[in-house]
PDB file of all heavy atoms in Angstrom:
ATOM      1  N   LYS A   1       4.105 -12.551   2.563  1.00  0.00           N
ATOM      2  CA  LYS A   1       3.969 -13.271   1.287  1.00  0.00           C
ATOM      3  C   LYS A   1       2.917 -14.368   1.404  1.00  0.00           C
ATOM      4  O   LYS A   1       2.066 -14.518   0.532  1.00  0.00           O
ATOM      5  CB  LYS A   1       5.308 -13.882   0.872  1.00  0.00           C
ATOM      6  CG  LYS A   1       6.275 -12.919   0.285  1.00  0.00           C
ATOM      7  CD  LYS A   1       7.533 -13.670  -0.159  1.00  0.00           C
ATOM      8  CE  LYS A   1       8.553 -12.752  -0.756  1.00  0.00           C
ATOM      9  NZ  LYS A   1       9.763 -13.469  -1.192  1.00  0.00           N
ATOM     10  N   ASN A   2       2.988 -15.134   2.501  1.00  0.00           N
ATOM     11  CA  ASN A   2       2.024 -16.217   2.700  1.00  0.00           C
ATOM     12  C   ASN A   2       0.600 -15.695   2.861  1.00  0.00           C
ATOM     13  O   ASN A   2      -0.354 -16.398   2.557  1.00  0.00           O
ATOM     14  CB  ASN A   2       2.403 -17.051   3.929  1.00  0.00           C
ATOM     15  CG  ASN A   2       3.626 -17.904   3.686  1.00  0.00           C
ATOM     16  OD1 ASN A   2       3.970 -18.215   2.546  1.00  0.00           O
ATOM     17  ND2 ASN A   2       4.307 -18.277   4.758  1.00  0.00           N
ATOM     18  N   ALA A   3       0.466 -14.462   3.327  1.00  0.00           N
ATOM     19  CA  ALA A   3      -0.856 -13.853   3.481  1.00  0.00           C
ATOM     20  C   ALA A   3      -1.383 -13.282   2.166  1.00  0.00           C
ATOM     21  O   ALA A   3      -2.495 -12.776   2.105  1.00  0.00           O
ATOM     22  CB  ALA A   3      -0.803 -12.760   4.539  1.00  0.00           C
ATOM     23  N   GLY A   4      -0.565 -13.336   1.096  1.00  0.00           N
ATOM     24  CA  GLY A   4      -1.036 -12.908  -0.216  1.00  0.00           C
ATOM     25  C   GLY A   4      -0.602 -11.525  -0.645  1.00  0.00           C
ATOM     26  O   GLY A   4      -1.092 -11.002  -1.645  1.00  0.00           O
ATOM     27  N   TYR A   5       0.328 -10.904   0.092  1.00  0.00           N
ATOM     28  CA  TYR A   5       0.807  -9.569  -0.275  1.00  0.00           C
ATOM     29  C   TYR A   5       2.073  -9.682  -1.122  1.00  0.00           C
ATOM     30  O   TYR A   5       2.972 -10.456  -0.802  1.00  0.00           O
ATOM     31  CB  TYR A   5       1.116  -8.733   0.974  1.00  0.00           C
ATOM     32  CG  TYR A   5      -0.091  -8.494   1.832  1.00  0.00           C
ATOM     33  CD1 TYR A   5      -0.301  -9.217   2.999  1.00  0.00           C
ATOM     34  CD2 TYR A   5      -1.039  -7.541   1.476  1.00  0.00           C
ATOM     35  CE1 TYR A   5      -1.415  -8.997   3.787  1.00  0.00           C
ATOM     36  CE2 TYR A   5      -2.152  -7.316   2.259  1.00  0.00           C
ATOM     37  CZ  TYR A   5      -2.331  -8.048   3.412  1.00  0.00           C
ATOM     38  OH  TYR A   5      -3.444  -7.830   4.199  1.00  0.00           O
ATOM     39  N   ASN A   6       2.133  -8.896  -2.189  1.00  0.00           N
ATOM     40  CA  ASN A   6       3.320  -8.835  -3.032  1.00  0.00           C
ATOM     41  C   ASN A   6       4.255  -7.791  -2.429  1.00  0.00           C
ATOM     42  O   ASN A   6       4.116  -6.596  -2.689  1.00  0.00           O
ATOM     43  CB  ASN A   6       2.950  -8.464  -4.465  1.00  0.00           C
ATOM     44  CG  ASN A   6       4.144  -8.417  -5.384  1.00  0.00           C
ATOM     45  OD1 ASN A   6       5.293  -8.464  -4.949  1.00  0.00           O
ATOM     46  ND2 ASN A   6       3.884  -8.314  -6.664  1.00  0.00           N
ATOM     47  N   ILE A   7       5.211  -8.235  -1.639  1.00  0.00           N
ATOM     48  CA  ILE A   7       6.085  -7.302  -0.925  1.00  0.00           C
ATOM     49  C   ILE A   7       7.095  -6.624  -1.846  1.00  0.00           C
ATOM     50  O   ILE A   7       7.797  -5.711  -1.428  1.00  0.00           O
ATOM     51  CB  ILE A   7       6.799  -7.980   0.255  1.00  0.00           C
ATOM     52  CG1 ILE A   7       7.658  -9.140  -0.226  1.00  0.00           C
ATOM     53  CG2 ILE A   7       5.787  -8.428   1.300  1.00  0.00           C
ATOM     54  CD1 ILE A   7       8.602  -9.662   0.826  1.00  0.00           C
ATOM     55  N   ASP A   8       7.160  -7.056  -3.099  1.00  0.00           N
ATOM     56  CA  ASP A   8       8.041  -6.388  -4.065  1.00  0.00           C
ATOM     57  C   ASP A   8       7.439  -5.072  -4.558  1.00  0.00           C
ATOM     58  O   ASP A   8       8.128  -4.274  -5.173  1.00  0.00           O
ATOM     59  CB  ASP A   8       8.333  -7.301  -5.254  1.00  0.00           C
ATOM     60  CG  ASP A   8       9.113  -8.540  -4.830  1.00  0.00           C
ATOM     61  OD1 ASP A   8       9.966  -8.424  -3.925  1.00  0.00           O
ATOM     62  OD2 ASP A   8       8.857  -9.618  -5.388  1.00  0.00           O
ATOM     63  N   LYS A   9       6.156  -4.880  -4.302  1.00  0.00           N
ATOM     64  CA  LYS A   9       5.493  -3.640  -4.722  1.00  0.00           C
ATOM     65  C   LYS A   9       5.359  -2.725  -3.518  1.00  0.00           C
ATOM     66  O   LYS A   9       4.704  -3.065  -2.527  1.00  0.00           O
ATOM     67  CB  LYS A   9       4.129  -3.937  -5.326  1.00  0.00           C
ATOM     68  CG  LYS A   9       4.241  -4.695  -6.623  1.00  0.00           C
ATOM     69  CD  LYS A   9       2.967  -4.689  -7.396  1.00  0.00           C
ATOM     70  CE  LYS A   9       3.204  -5.439  -8.700  1.00  0.00           C
ATOM     71  NZ  LYS A   9       2.313  -4.999  -9.727  1.00  0.00           N
ATOM     72  N   PHE A  10       5.979  -1.573  -3.602  1.00  0.00           N
ATOM     73  CA  PHE A  10       5.986  -0.599  -2.514  1.00  0.00           C
ATOM     74  C   PHE A  10       5.913   0.784  -3.134  1.00  0.00           C
ATOM     75  O   PHE A  10       6.626   1.070  -4.097  1.00  0.00           O
ATOM     76  CB  PHE A  10       7.277  -0.738  -1.690  1.00  0.00           C
ATOM     77  CG  PHE A  10       7.380   0.255  -0.576  1.00  0.00           C
ATOM     78  CD1 PHE A  10       6.824  -0.017   0.658  1.00  0.00           C
ATOM     79  CD2 PHE A  10       8.026   1.460  -0.760  1.00  0.00           C
ATOM     80  CE1 PHE A  10       6.919   0.900   1.698  1.00  0.00           C
ATOM     81  CE2 PHE A  10       8.128   2.387   0.267  1.00  0.00           C
ATOM     82  CZ  PHE A  10       7.569   2.100   1.498  1.00  0.00           C
ATOM     83  N   ARG A  11       5.049   1.632  -2.601  1.00  0.00           N
ATOM     84  CA  ARG A  11       4.918   2.989  -3.138  1.00  0.00           C
ATOM     85  C   ARG A  11       4.405   3.920  -2.054  1.00  0.00           C
ATOM     86  O   ARG A  11       4.039   3.480  -0.970  1.00  0.00           O
ATOM     87  CB  ARG A  11       3.979   3.003  -4.336  1.00  0.00           C
ATOM     88  CG  ARG A  11       2.559   2.603  -4.005  1.00  0.00           C
ATOM     89  CD  ARG A  11       1.683   2.487  -5.254  1.00  0.00           C
ATOM     90  NE  ARG A  11       0.371   1.987  -4.921  1.00  0.00           N
ATOM     91  CZ  ARG A  11      -0.646   2.706  -4.483  1.00  0.00           C
ATOM     92  NH1 ARG A  11      -0.502   4.013  -4.314  1.00  0.00           N
ATOM     93  NH2 ARG A  11      -1.808   2.166  -4.207  1.00  0.00           N
ATOM     94  N   GLU A  12       4.406   5.200  -2.381  1.00  0.00           N
ATOM     95  CA  GLU A  12       3.821   6.201  -1.488  1.00  0.00           C
ATOM     96  C   GLU A  12       2.530   6.712  -2.110  1.00  0.00           C
ATOM     97  O   GLU A  12       2.392   6.766  -3.333  1.00  0.00           O
ATOM     98  CB  GLU A  12       4.801   7.344  -1.262  1.00  0.00           C
ATOM     99  CG  GLU A  12       6.040   6.902  -0.517  1.00  0.00           C
ATOM    100  CD  GLU A  12       6.967   8.038  -0.158  1.00  0.00           C
ATOM    101  OE1 GLU A  12       6.506   9.196  -0.074  1.00  0.00           O
ATOM    102  OE2 GLU A  12       8.163   7.753   0.043  1.00  0.00           O
ATOM    103  N   ASP A  13       1.573   7.070  -1.258  1.00  0.00           N
ATOM    104  CA  ASP A  13       0.274   7.564  -1.713  1.00  0.00           C
ATOM    105  C   ASP A  13      -0.258   8.485  -0.616  1.00  0.00           C
ATOM    106  O   ASP A  13       0.453   8.794   0.324  1.00  0.00           O
ATOM    107  CB  ASP A  13      -0.675   6.379  -1.949  1.00  0.00           C
ATOM    108  CG  ASP A  13      -1.741   6.667  -2.989  1.00  0.00           C
ATOM    109  OD1 ASP A  13      -2.303   7.782  -2.989  1.00  0.00           O
ATOM    110  OD2 ASP A  13      -2.031   5.774  -3.810  1.00  0.00           O
ATOM    111  N   THR A  14      -1.503   8.887  -0.737  1.00  0.00           N
ATOM    112  CA  THR A  14      -2.162   9.618   0.330  1.00  0.00           C
ATOM    113  C   THR A  14      -3.485   8.932   0.631  1.00  0.00           C
ATOM    114  O   THR A  14      -4.128   8.367  -0.255  1.00  0.00           O
ATOM    115  CB  THR A  14      -2.435  11.101  -0.028  1.00  0.00           C
ATOM    116  OG1 THR A  14      -3.219  11.146  -1.213  1.00  0.00           O
ATOM    117  CG2 THR A  14      -1.155  11.863  -0.224  1.00  0.00           C
ATOM    118  N   TYR A  15      -3.881   8.981   1.887  1.00  0.00           N
ATOM    119  CA  TYR A  15      -5.161   8.432   2.315  1.00  0.00           C
ATOM    120  C   TYR A  15      -5.776   9.421   3.294  1.00  0.00           C
ATOM    121  O   TYR A  15      -5.155   9.781   4.288  1.00  0.00           O
ATOM    122  CB  TYR A  15      -4.968   7.060   2.976  1.00  0.00           C
ATOM    123  CG  TYR A  15      -6.233   6.481   3.528  1.00  0.00           C
ATOM    124  CD1 TYR A  15      -7.270   6.131   2.683  1.00  0.00           C
ATOM    125  CD2 TYR A  15      -6.408   6.310   4.885  1.00  0.00           C
ATOM    126  CE1 TYR A  15      -8.450   5.606   3.181  1.00  0.00           C
ATOM    127  CE2 TYR A  15      -7.574   5.787   5.404  1.00  0.00           C
ATOM    128  CZ  TYR A  15      -8.592   5.438   4.539  1.00  0.00           C
ATOM    129  OH  TYR A  15      -9.767   4.923   5.030  1.00  0.00           O
ATOM    130  N   GLU A  16      -6.972   9.867   2.975  1.00  0.00           N
ATOM    131  CA  GLU A  16      -7.660  10.884   3.768  1.00  0.00           C
ATOM    132  C   GLU A  16      -6.767  12.100   3.997  1.00  0.00           C
ATOM    133  O   GLU A  16      -6.703  12.654   5.094  1.00  0.00           O
ATOM    134  CB  GLU A  16      -8.168  10.293   5.079  1.00  0.00           C
ATOM    135  CG  GLU A  16      -9.239   9.231   4.851  1.00  0.00           C
ATOM    136  CD  GLU A  16      -9.881   8.720   6.117  1.00  0.00           C
ATOM    137  OE1 GLU A  16      -9.365   8.989   7.233  1.00  0.00           O
ATOM    138  OE2 GLU A  16     -10.901   8.038   5.999  1.00  0.00           O
ATOM    139  N   GLY A  17      -6.035  12.488   2.963  1.00  0.00           N
ATOM    140  CA  GLY A  17      -5.207  13.680   2.993  1.00  0.00           C
ATOM    141  C   GLY A  17      -3.863  13.523   3.678  1.00  0.00           C
ATOM    142  O   GLY A  17      -3.122  14.497   3.806  1.00  0.00           O
ATOM    143  N   LYS A  18      -3.524  12.313   4.117  1.00  0.00           N
ATOM    144  CA  LYS A  18      -2.262  12.090   4.822  1.00  0.00           C
ATOM    145  C   LYS A  18      -1.354  11.174   4.008  1.00  0.00           C
ATOM    146  O   LYS A  18      -1.831  10.240   3.367  1.00  0.00           O
ATOM    147  CB  LYS A  18      -2.527  11.458   6.189  1.00  0.00           C
ATOM    148  CG  LYS A  18      -3.322  12.355   7.115  1.00  0.00           C
ATOM    149  CD  LYS A  18      -3.545  11.687   8.441  1.00  0.00           C
ATOM    150  CE  LYS A  18      -4.362  12.581   9.363  1.00  0.00           C
ATOM    151  NZ  LYS A  18      -4.662  11.930  10.622  1.00  0.00           N
ATOM    152  N   PRO A  19      -0.047  11.423   4.055  1.00  0.00           N
ATOM    153  CA  PRO A  19       0.892  10.572   3.314  1.00  0.00           C
ATOM    154  C   PRO A  19       0.916   9.151   3.891  1.00  0.00           C
ATOM    155  O   PRO A  19       0.859   8.961   5.106  1.00  0.00           O
ATOM    156  CB  PRO A  19       2.249  11.248   3.514  1.00  0.00           C
ATOM    157  CG  PRO A  19       2.015  12.494   4.265  1.00  0.00           C
ATOM    158  CD  PRO A  19       0.610  12.516   4.748  1.00  0.00           C
ATOM    159  N   THR A  20       0.968   8.180   2.987  1.00  0.00           N
ATOM    160  CA  THR A  20       0.997   6.776   3.392  1.00  0.00           C
ATOM    161  C   THR A  20       2.001   5.994   2.562  1.00  0.00           C
ATOM    162  O   THR A  20       2.394   6.410   1.470  1.00  0.00           O
ATOM    163  CB  THR A  20      -0.381   6.108   3.216  1.00  0.00           C
ATOM    164  OG1 THR A  20      -0.785   6.228   1.853  1.00  0.00           O
ATOM    165  CG2 THR A  20      -1.423   6.699   4.121  1.00  0.00           C
ATOM    166  N   TYR A  21       2.390   4.847   3.120  1.00  0.00           N
ATOM    167  CA  TYR A  21       3.131   3.836   2.375  1.00  0.00           C
ATOM    168  C   TYR A  21       2.130   2.757   2.000  1.00  0.00           C
ATOM    169  O   TYR A  21       1.266   2.393   2.804  1.00  0.00           O
ATOM    170  CB  TYR A  21       4.220   3.199   3.231  1.00  0.00           C
ATOM    171  CG  TYR A  21       5.303   4.133   3.686  1.00  0.00           C
ATOM    172  CD1 TYR A  21       5.526   4.355   5.034  1.00  0.00           C
ATOM    173  CD2 TYR A  21       6.137   4.776   2.770  1.00  0.00           C
ATOM    174  CE1 TYR A  21       6.536   5.198   5.472  1.00  0.00           C
ATOM    175  CE2 TYR A  21       7.145   5.632   3.195  1.00  0.00           C
ATOM    176  CZ  TYR A  21       7.339   5.830   4.548  1.00  0.00           C
ATOM    177  OH  TYR A  21       8.336   6.670   4.975  1.00  0.00           O
ATOM    178  N   VAL A  22       2.255   2.232   0.787  1.00  0.00           N
ATOM    179  CA  VAL A  22       1.376   1.160   0.335  1.00  0.00           C
ATOM    180  C   VAL A  22       2.248  -0.023  -0.074  1.00  0.00           C
ATOM    181  O   VAL A  22       3.183   0.128  -0.862  1.00  0.00           O
ATOM    182  CB  VAL A  22       0.501   1.603  -0.863  1.00  0.00           C
ATOM    183  CG1 VAL A  22      -0.420   0.469  -1.302  1.00  0.00           C
ATOM    184  CG2 VAL A  22      -0.305   2.847  -0.505  1.00  0.00           C
ATOM    185  N   VAL A  23       1.924  -1.189   0.447  1.00  0.00           N
ATOM    186  CA  VAL A  23       2.651  -2.405   0.116  1.00  0.00           C
ATOM    187  C   VAL A  23       1.687  -3.380  -0.542  1.00  0.00           C
ATOM    188  O   VAL A  23       0.618  -3.656   0.000  1.00  0.00           O
ATOM    189  CB  VAL A  23       3.256  -3.057   1.372  1.00  0.00           C
ATOM    190  CG1 VAL A  23       3.970  -4.360   1.024  1.00  0.00           C
ATOM    191  CG2 VAL A  23       4.197  -2.099   2.077  1.00  0.00           C
ATOM    192  N   GLY A  24       2.061  -3.866  -1.732  1.00  0.00           N
ATOM    193  CA  GLY A  24       1.297  -4.936  -2.348  1.00  0.00           C
ATOM    194  C   GLY A  24       0.647  -4.644  -3.679  1.00  0.00           C
ATOM    195  O   GLY A  24       0.204  -5.571  -4.349  1.00  0.00           O
ATOM    196  N   ALA A  25       0.563  -3.376  -4.095  1.00  0.00           N
ATOM    197  CA  ALA A  25      -0.156  -3.086  -5.340  1.00  0.00           C
ATOM    198  C   ALA A  25       0.310  -1.772  -5.951  1.00  0.00           C
ATOM    199  O   ALA A  25       0.806  -0.893  -5.256  1.00  0.00           O
ATOM    200  CB  ALA A  25      -1.657  -3.028  -5.086  1.00  0.00           C
ATOM    201  N   ASP A  26       0.113  -1.673  -7.249  1.00  0.00           N
ATOM    202  CA  ASP A  26       0.405  -0.435  -7.967  1.00  0.00           C
ATOM    203  C   ASP A  26      -0.690   0.594  -7.692  1.00  0.00           C
ATOM    204  O   ASP A  26      -1.769   0.256  -7.189  1.00  0.00           O
ATOM    205  CB  ASP A  26       0.467  -0.708  -9.475  1.00  0.00           C
ATOM    206  CG  ASP A  26       1.632  -1.604  -9.858  1.00  0.00           C
ATOM    207  OD1 ASP A  26       2.722  -1.464  -9.264  1.00  0.00           O
ATOM    208  OD2 ASP A  26       1.449  -2.456 -10.754  1.00  0.00           O
ATOM    209  N   ALA A  27      -0.427   1.842  -8.067  1.00  0.00           N
ATOM    210  CA  ALA A  27      -1.415   2.914  -7.916  1.00  0.00           C
ATOM    211  C   ALA A  27      -2.686   2.573  -8.677  1.00  0.00           C
ATOM    212  O   ALA A  27      -2.643   1.983  -9.760  1.00  0.00           O
ATOM    213  CB  ALA A  27      -0.828   4.230  -8.418  1.00  0.00           C
ATOM    214  N   ASN A  28      -3.815   2.902  -8.090  1.00  0.00           N
ATOM    215  CA  ASN A  28      -5.147   2.705  -8.678  1.00  0.00           C
ATOM    216  C   ASN A  28      -5.519   1.234  -8.870  1.00  0.00           C
ATOM    217  O   ASN A  28      -6.442   0.928  -9.609  1.00  0.00           O
ATOM    218  CB  ASN A  28      -5.294   3.465  -9.999  1.00  0.00           C
ATOM    219  CG  ASN A  28      -5.113   4.946  -9.809  1.00  0.00           C
ATOM    220  OD1 ASN A  28      -5.681   5.532  -8.892  1.00  0.00           O
ATOM    221  ND2 ASN A  28      -4.301   5.563 -10.645  1.00  0.00           N
ATOM    222  N   ASP A  29      -4.814   0.324  -8.226  1.00  0.00           N
ATOM    223  CA  ASP A  29      -5.153  -1.098  -8.258  1.00  0.00           C
ATOM    224  C   ASP A  29      -5.825  -1.441  -6.940  1.00  0.00           C
ATOM    225  O   ASP A  29      -5.177  -1.536  -5.910  1.00  0.00           O
ATOM    226  CB  ASP A  29      -3.891  -1.942  -8.451  1.00  0.00           C
ATOM    227  CG  ASP A  29      -4.168  -3.441  -8.381  1.00  0.00           C
ATOM    228  OD1 ASP A  29      -5.346  -3.836  -8.208  1.00  0.00           O
ATOM    229  OD2 ASP A  29      -3.211  -4.218  -8.492  1.00  0.00           O
ATOM    230  N   PHE A  30      -7.137  -1.602  -6.972  1.00  0.00           N
ATOM    231  CA  PHE A  30      -7.880  -1.939  -5.769  1.00  0.00           C
ATOM    232  C   PHE A  30      -8.421  -3.366  -5.837  1.00  0.00           C
ATOM    233  O   PHE A  30      -9.363  -3.719  -5.136  1.00  0.00           O
ATOM    234  CB  PHE A  30      -9.012  -0.929  -5.548  1.00  0.00           C
ATOM    235  CG  PHE A  30      -8.503   0.473  -5.410  1.00  0.00           C
ATOM    236  CD1 PHE A  30      -8.631   1.382  -6.451  1.00  0.00           C
ATOM    237  CD2 PHE A  30      -7.854   0.882  -4.259  1.00  0.00           C
ATOM    238  CE1 PHE A  30      -8.139   2.676  -6.344  1.00  0.00           C
ATOM    239  CE2 PHE A  30      -7.353   2.172  -4.133  1.00  0.00           C
ATOM    240  CZ  PHE A  30      -7.500   3.070  -5.185  1.00  0.00           C
ATOM    241  N   THR A  31      -7.807  -4.194  -6.691  1.00  0.00           N
ATOM    242  CA  THR A  31      -8.231  -5.585  -6.850  1.00  0.00           C
ATOM    243  C   THR A  31      -7.164  -6.561  -6.363  1.00  0.00           C
ATOM    244  O   THR A  31      -7.317  -7.760  -6.531  1.00  0.00           O
ATOM    245  CB  THR A  31      -8.554  -5.882  -8.326  1.00  0.00           C
ATOM    246  OG1 THR A  31      -7.372  -5.728  -9.105  1.00  0.00           O
ATOM    247  CG2 THR A  31      -9.645  -4.962  -8.845  1.00  0.00           C
ATOM    248  N   THR A  32      -6.107  -6.041  -5.765  1.00  0.00           N
ATOM    249  CA  THR A  32      -4.994  -6.854  -5.291  1.00  0.00           C
ATOM    250  C   THR A  32      -4.830  -6.646  -3.789  1.00  0.00           C
ATOM    251  O   THR A  32      -5.011  -5.532  -3.293  1.00  0.00           O
ATOM    252  CB  THR A  32      -3.696  -6.431  -6.024  1.00  0.00           C
ATOM    253  OG1 THR A  32      -3.911  -6.546  -7.428  1.00  0.00           O
ATOM    254  CG2 THR A  32      -2.531  -7.295  -5.634  1.00  0.00           C
ATOM    255  N   SER A  33      -4.465  -7.695  -3.075  1.00  0.00           N
ATOM    256  CA  SER A  33      -4.235  -7.566  -1.634  1.00  0.00           C
ATOM    257  C   SER A  33      -3.127  -6.555  -1.374  1.00  0.00           C
ATOM    258  O   SER A  33      -2.070  -6.593  -2.000  1.00  0.00           O
ATOM    259  CB  SER A  33      -3.845  -8.919  -1.036  1.00  0.00           C
ATOM    260  OG  SER A  33      -4.923  -9.813  -1.099  1.00  0.00           O
ATOM    261  N   GLN A  34      -3.396  -5.630  -0.434  1.00  0.00           N
ATOM    262  CA  GLN A  34      -2.442  -4.565  -0.125  1.00  0.00           C
ATOM    263  C   GLN A  34      -2.755  -3.986   1.242  1.00  0.00           C
ATOM    264  O   GLN A  34      -3.855  -4.133   1.748  1.00  0.00           O
ATOM    265  CB  GLN A  34      -2.524  -3.460  -1.175  1.00  0.00           C
ATOM    266  CG  GLN A  34      -3.901  -2.843  -1.289  1.00  0.00           C
ATOM    267  CD  GLN A  34      -4.066  -2.018  -2.540  1.00  0.00           C
ATOM    268  OE1 GLN A  34      -3.708  -0.843  -2.540  1.00  0.00           O
ATOM    269  NE2 GLN A  34      -4.592  -2.617  -3.589  1.00  0.00           N
ATOM    270  N   PHE A  35      -1.761  -3.345   1.855  1.00  0.00           N
ATOM    271  CA  PHE A  35      -2.010  -2.651   3.105  1.00  0.00           C
ATOM    272  C   PHE A  35      -1.355  -1.279   3.068  1.00  0.00           C
ATOM    273  O   PHE A  35      -0.361  -1.068   2.396  1.00  0.00           O
ATOM    274  CB  PHE A  35      -1.566  -3.459   4.333  1.00  0.00           C
ATOM    275  CG  PHE A  35      -0.120  -3.841   4.378  1.00  0.00           C
ATOM    276  CD1 PHE A  35       0.806  -3.060   5.045  1.00  0.00           C
ATOM    277  CD2 PHE A  35       0.312  -5.015   3.782  1.00  0.00           C
ATOM    278  CE1 PHE A  35       2.138  -3.431   5.108  1.00  0.00           C
ATOM    279  CE2 PHE A  35       1.641  -5.397   3.838  1.00  0.00           C
ATOM    280  CZ  PHE A  35       2.562  -4.602   4.508  1.00  0.00           C
ATOM    281  N   TRP A  36      -1.974  -0.349   3.773  1.00  0.00           N
ATOM    282  CA  TRP A  36      -1.580   1.059   3.778  1.00  0.00           C
ATOM    283  C   TRP A  36      -1.157   1.434   5.197  1.00  0.00           C
ATOM    284  O   TRP A  36      -1.870   1.160   6.162  1.00  0.00           O
ATOM    285  CB  TRP A  36      -2.754   1.929   3.351  1.00  0.00           C
ATOM    286  CG  TRP A  36      -3.248   1.706   1.952  1.00  0.00           C
ATOM    287  CD1 TRP A  36      -3.539   0.510   1.358  1.00  0.00           C
ATOM    288  CD2 TRP A  36      -3.529   2.693   0.977  1.00  0.00           C
ATOM    289  NE1 TRP A  36      -3.987   0.703   0.080  1.00  0.00           N
ATOM    290  CE2 TRP A  36      -3.994   2.046  -0.181  1.00  0.00           C
ATOM    291  CE3 TRP A  36      -3.457   4.074   0.971  1.00  0.00           C
ATOM    292  CZ2 TRP A  36      -4.366   2.714  -1.323  1.00  0.00           C
ATOM    293  CZ3 TRP A  36      -3.829   4.757  -0.180  1.00  0.00           C
ATOM    294  CH2 TRP A  36      -4.271   4.087  -1.304  1.00  0.00           C
ATOM    295  N   ILE A  37      -0.003   2.089   5.311  1.00  0.00           N
ATOM    296  CA  ILE A  37       0.574   2.478   6.591  1.00  0.00           C
ATOM    297  C   ILE A  37       0.723   3.999   6.635  1.00  0.00           C
ATOM    298  O   ILE A  37       1.257   4.593   5.695  1.00  0.00           O
ATOM    299  CB  ILE A  37       1.968   1.837   6.780  1.00  0.00           C
ATOM    300  CG1 ILE A  37       1.901   0.323   6.660  1.00  0.00           C
ATOM    301  CG2 ILE A  37       2.612   2.289   8.087  1.00  0.00           C
ATOM    302  CD1 ILE A  37       1.204  -0.361   7.791  1.00  0.00           C
ATOM    303  N   ASP A  38       0.245   4.624   7.710  1.00  0.00           N
ATOM    304  CA  ASP A  38       0.431   6.062   7.898  1.00  0.00           C
ATOM    305  C   ASP A  38       1.930   6.353   7.934  1.00  0.00           C
ATOM    306  O   ASP A  38       2.676   5.745   8.711  1.00  0.00           O
ATOM    307  CB  ASP A  38      -0.228   6.490   9.217  1.00  0.00           C
ATOM    308  CG  ASP A  38      -0.043   7.961   9.503  1.00  0.00           C
ATOM    309  OD1 ASP A  38       1.019   8.320  10.067  1.00  0.00           O
ATOM    310  OD2 ASP A  38      -0.936   8.754   9.180  1.00  0.00           O
ATOM    311  N   LYS A  39       2.383   7.242   7.069  1.00  0.00           N
ATOM    312  CA  LYS A  39       3.814   7.513   6.921  1.00  0.00           C
ATOM    313  C   LYS A  39       4.415   8.149   8.165  1.00  0.00           C
ATOM    314  O   LYS A  39       5.537   7.820   8.564  1.00  0.00           O
ATOM    315  CB  LYS A  39       4.037   8.419   5.705  1.00  0.00           C
ATOM    316  CG  LYS A  39       5.480   8.624   5.338  1.00  0.00           C
ATOM    317  CD  LYS A  39       5.615   9.413   4.044  1.00  0.00           C
ATOM    318  CE  LYS A  39       7.056   9.650   3.683  1.00  0.00           C
ATOM    319  NZ  LYS A  39       7.174  10.381   2.407  1.00  0.00           N
ATOM    320  N   LYS A  40       3.708   9.040   8.827  1.00  0.00           N
ATOM    321  CA  LYS A  40       4.252   9.739   9.984  1.00  0.00           C
ATOM    322  C   LYS A  40       4.285   8.857  11.225  1.00  0.00           C
ATOM    323  O   LYS A  40       5.286   8.776  11.932  1.00  0.00           O
ATOM    324  CB  LYS A  40       3.433  11.003  10.265  1.00  0.00           C
ATOM    325  CG  LYS A  40       3.916  11.777  11.471  1.00  0.00           C
ATOM    326  CD  LYS A  40       3.053  12.997  11.733  1.00  0.00           C
ATOM    327  CE  LYS A  40       3.513  13.712  12.998  1.00  0.00           C
ATOM    328  NZ  LYS A  40       2.596  14.783  13.364  1.00  0.00           N
ATOM    329  N   ASN A  41       3.163   8.192  11.508  1.00  0.00           N
ATOM    330  CA  ASN A  41       3.031   7.433  12.758  1.00  0.00           C
ATOM    331  C   ASN A  41       3.251   5.930  12.618  1.00  0.00           C
ATOM    332  O   ASN A  41       3.292   5.218  13.619  1.00  0.00           O
ATOM    333  CB  ASN A  41       1.651   7.694  13.364  1.00  0.00           C
ATOM    334  CG  ASN A  41       1.459   9.147  13.681  1.00  0.00           C
ATOM    335  OD1 ASN A  41       2.178   9.706  14.499  1.00  0.00           O
ATOM    336  ND2 ASN A  41       0.509   9.793  13.021  1.00  0.00           N
TER     337      ASN A  41
END
């Protein structure tokens, strides 16, 4: 939270063809601080 991420926003997406978790932003929002985690690893 202190780093600027909205931890209340959590979703699944894909990145480079792999499933990911996204924390911090809604789908198609690339103007908000967010981080993407590889779902498998």
